[in-house]
Amino acid sequence: VQLVESGGGLVQTGGSLRLSCAFSGTFFMLSVMGWYRQAPGKQRELVARLSSAGSTDYADFAKGRFTISRDNPKKTLYLQMDSLKPEDTAVYFCSSRQVGGTEYWGQGTQVTVSS
């Protein structure tokens, strides 16, 4: 499995970005896909997670502002981020947890929100 994130960048407070994660490999439809982020000096934290059945799990800070989705035919995971705040500045990582429990990670994409 390989994961490649894209869509990060510099945006002003209140702006929007859509992150994409391209999945290479098998069993995308059976994978639990997620977005995590890590700010400088902080631990990596969950942003949102999406199961193969379509159930979602959002961090409190993401509720109402971020939306996770997946396109199974395209094997792509998305994260729509609206009303961005400076505290959302971080490297955002895509993850894929396979049926057997193995978890894979992308290299990350930088999101910077200016005040």
Protein backbone atom coordinates (compact mmCIF):
# COMPACT_ATOMS: atom_id res chain seq x y z
CA VAL A 1 0.00 0.00 0.00
CA GLN A 2 1.18 3.49 -0.86
CA LEU A 3 -0.54 6.70 0.12
CA VAL A 4 0.18 10.07 -1.47
CA GLU A 5 -1.36 13.23 -0.04
CA SER A 6 -1.88 16.44 -1.95
CA GLY A 7 -3.80 19.67 -1.66
CA GLY A 8 -2.02 21.35 1.20
CA GLY A 9 -0.84 24.92 1.06
CA LEU A 10 -1.08 28.38 2.51
CA VAL A 11 -4.53 29.84 3.17
CA GLN A 12 -5.88 32.76 5.15
CA THR A 13 -8.01 32.41 8.26
CA GLY A 14 -11.54 31.48 7.28
CA GLY A 15 -10.44 29.92 4.02
CA SER A 16 -10.86 26.38 2.72
CA LEU A 17 -8.70 23.59 1.44
CA ARG A 18 -9.42 20.12 0.15
CA LEU A 19 -6.84 17.47 0.81
CA SER A 20 -6.64 14.33 -1.28
CA CYS A 21 -5.01 10.99 -0.57
CA ALA A 22 -4.35 8.67 -3.48
CA PHE A 23 -4.26 4.99 -2.48
CA SER A 24 -2.19 2.44 -4.39
CA GLY A 25 -2.70 -1.20 -3.57
CA THR A 26 -5.54 -3.54 -2.85
CA PHE A 27 -8.48 -3.58 -0.49
CA PHE A 28 -9.10 0.17 -0.47
CA MET A 29 -12.81 -0.47 -0.07
CA LEU A 30 -12.19 -2.62 3.00
CA SER A 31 -9.78 -0.18 4.65
CA VAL A 32 -10.46 2.20 7.47
CA MET A 33 -9.12 5.46 6.11
CA GLY A 34 -8.17 8.43 8.21
CA TRP A 35 -6.62 11.86 8.38
CA TYR A 36 -4.25 12.82 11.17
CA ARG A 37 -2.24 15.94 11.78
CA GLN A 38 0.89 16.93 13.62
CA ALA A 39 1.81 20.46 14.56
CA PRO A 40 5.38 21.42 15.50
CA GLY A 41 6.22 20.20 18.99
CA LYS A 42 2.96 18.30 19.34
CA GLN A 43 1.89 14.70 19.03
CA ARG A 44 0.11 13.39 15.98
CA GLU A 45 -3.65 13.52 16.50
CA LEU A 46 -6.70 12.16 14.78
CA VAL A 47 -8.63 14.57 12.57
CA ALA A 48 -11.23 12.25 11.08
CA ARG A 49 -11.72 8.61 10.24
CA LEU A 50 -13.98 6.83 7.76
CA SER A 51 -14.79 3.16 7.84
CA SER A 52 -15.45 0.90 4.90
CA ALA A 53 -19.11 0.93 5.90
CA GLY A 54 -19.23 4.71 5.76
CA SER A 55 -19.28 5.56 9.44
CA THR A 56 -17.27 8.60 10.46
CA ASP A 57 -15.41 9.71 13.53
CA TYR A 58 -14.29 13.33 13.95
CA ALA A 59 -12.11 15.06 16.47
CA ASP A 60 -13.99 17.74 18.37
CA PHE A 61 -12.03 20.51 16.65
CA ALA A 62 -13.02 19.14 13.24
CA LYS A 63 -16.76 18.76 13.83
CA GLY A 64 -18.78 21.19 11.76
CA ARG A 65 -15.77 22.44 9.81
CA PHE A 66 -14.13 19.38 8.22
CA THR A 67 -15.68 16.64 6.11
CA ILE A 68 -14.04 13.33 5.31
CA SER A 69 -15.13 11.37 2.26
CA ARG A 70 -13.90 8.66 -0.04
CA ASP A 71 -14.27 7.78 -3.71
CA ASN A 72 -13.92 4.03 -3.91
CA PRO A 73 -13.63 3.70 -7.73
CA LYS A 74 -10.88 6.32 -7.69
CA LYS A 75 -9.29 4.89 -4.53
CA THR A 76 -9.04 8.38 -3.12
CA LEU A 77 -9.71 9.83 0.31
CA TYR A 78 -10.60 13.48 0.78
CA LEU A 79 -10.70 15.98 3.59
CA GLN A 80 -12.66 19.15 2.97
CA MET A 81 -11.56 21.78 5.45
CA ASP A 82 -13.60 24.96 5.85
CA SER A 83 -13.40 27.92 8.22
CA LEU A 84 -9.72 27.26 8.77
CA LYS A 85 -7.98 28.72 11.78
CA PRO A 86 -4.29 29.37 12.50
CA GLU A 87 -4.36 26.51 15.00
CA ASP A 88 -5.15 24.14 12.12
CA THR A 89 -1.61 24.69 10.86
CA ALA A 90 0.08 21.29 10.77
CA VAL A 91 1.31 18.51 8.55
CA TYR A 92 -1.69 16.39 7.60
CA PHE A 93 -1.21 12.67 7.11
CA CYS A 94 -3.38 10.08 5.45
CA SER A 95 -3.62 6.63 6.98
CA SER A 96 -5.02 3.31 5.90
CA ARG A 97 -5.71 0.48 8.31
CA GLN A 98 -6.07 -2.83 6.57
CA VAL A 99 -8.31 -5.73 7.54
CA GLY A 100 -5.42 -7.54 9.22
CA GLY A 101 -4.60 -4.49 11.34
CA THR A 102 -1.57 -3.18 9.49
CA GLU A 103 -1.59 0.60 9.21
CA TYR A 104 0.05 2.55 6.43
CA TRP A 105 0.91 6.24 6.30
CA GLY A 106 1.51 8.83 3.65
CA GLN A 107 4.35 11.32 3.72
CA GLY A 108 2.13 14.22 4.74
CA THR A 109 1.11 17.53 3.27
CA GLN A 110 1.69 20.89 4.92
CA VAL A 111 -1.28 23.11 5.74
CA THR A 112 -0.52 26.63 6.89
CA VAL A 113 -3.26 29.03 7.95
CA SER A 114 -2.21 32.65 8.23
CA SER A 115 -3.87 35.04 10.64
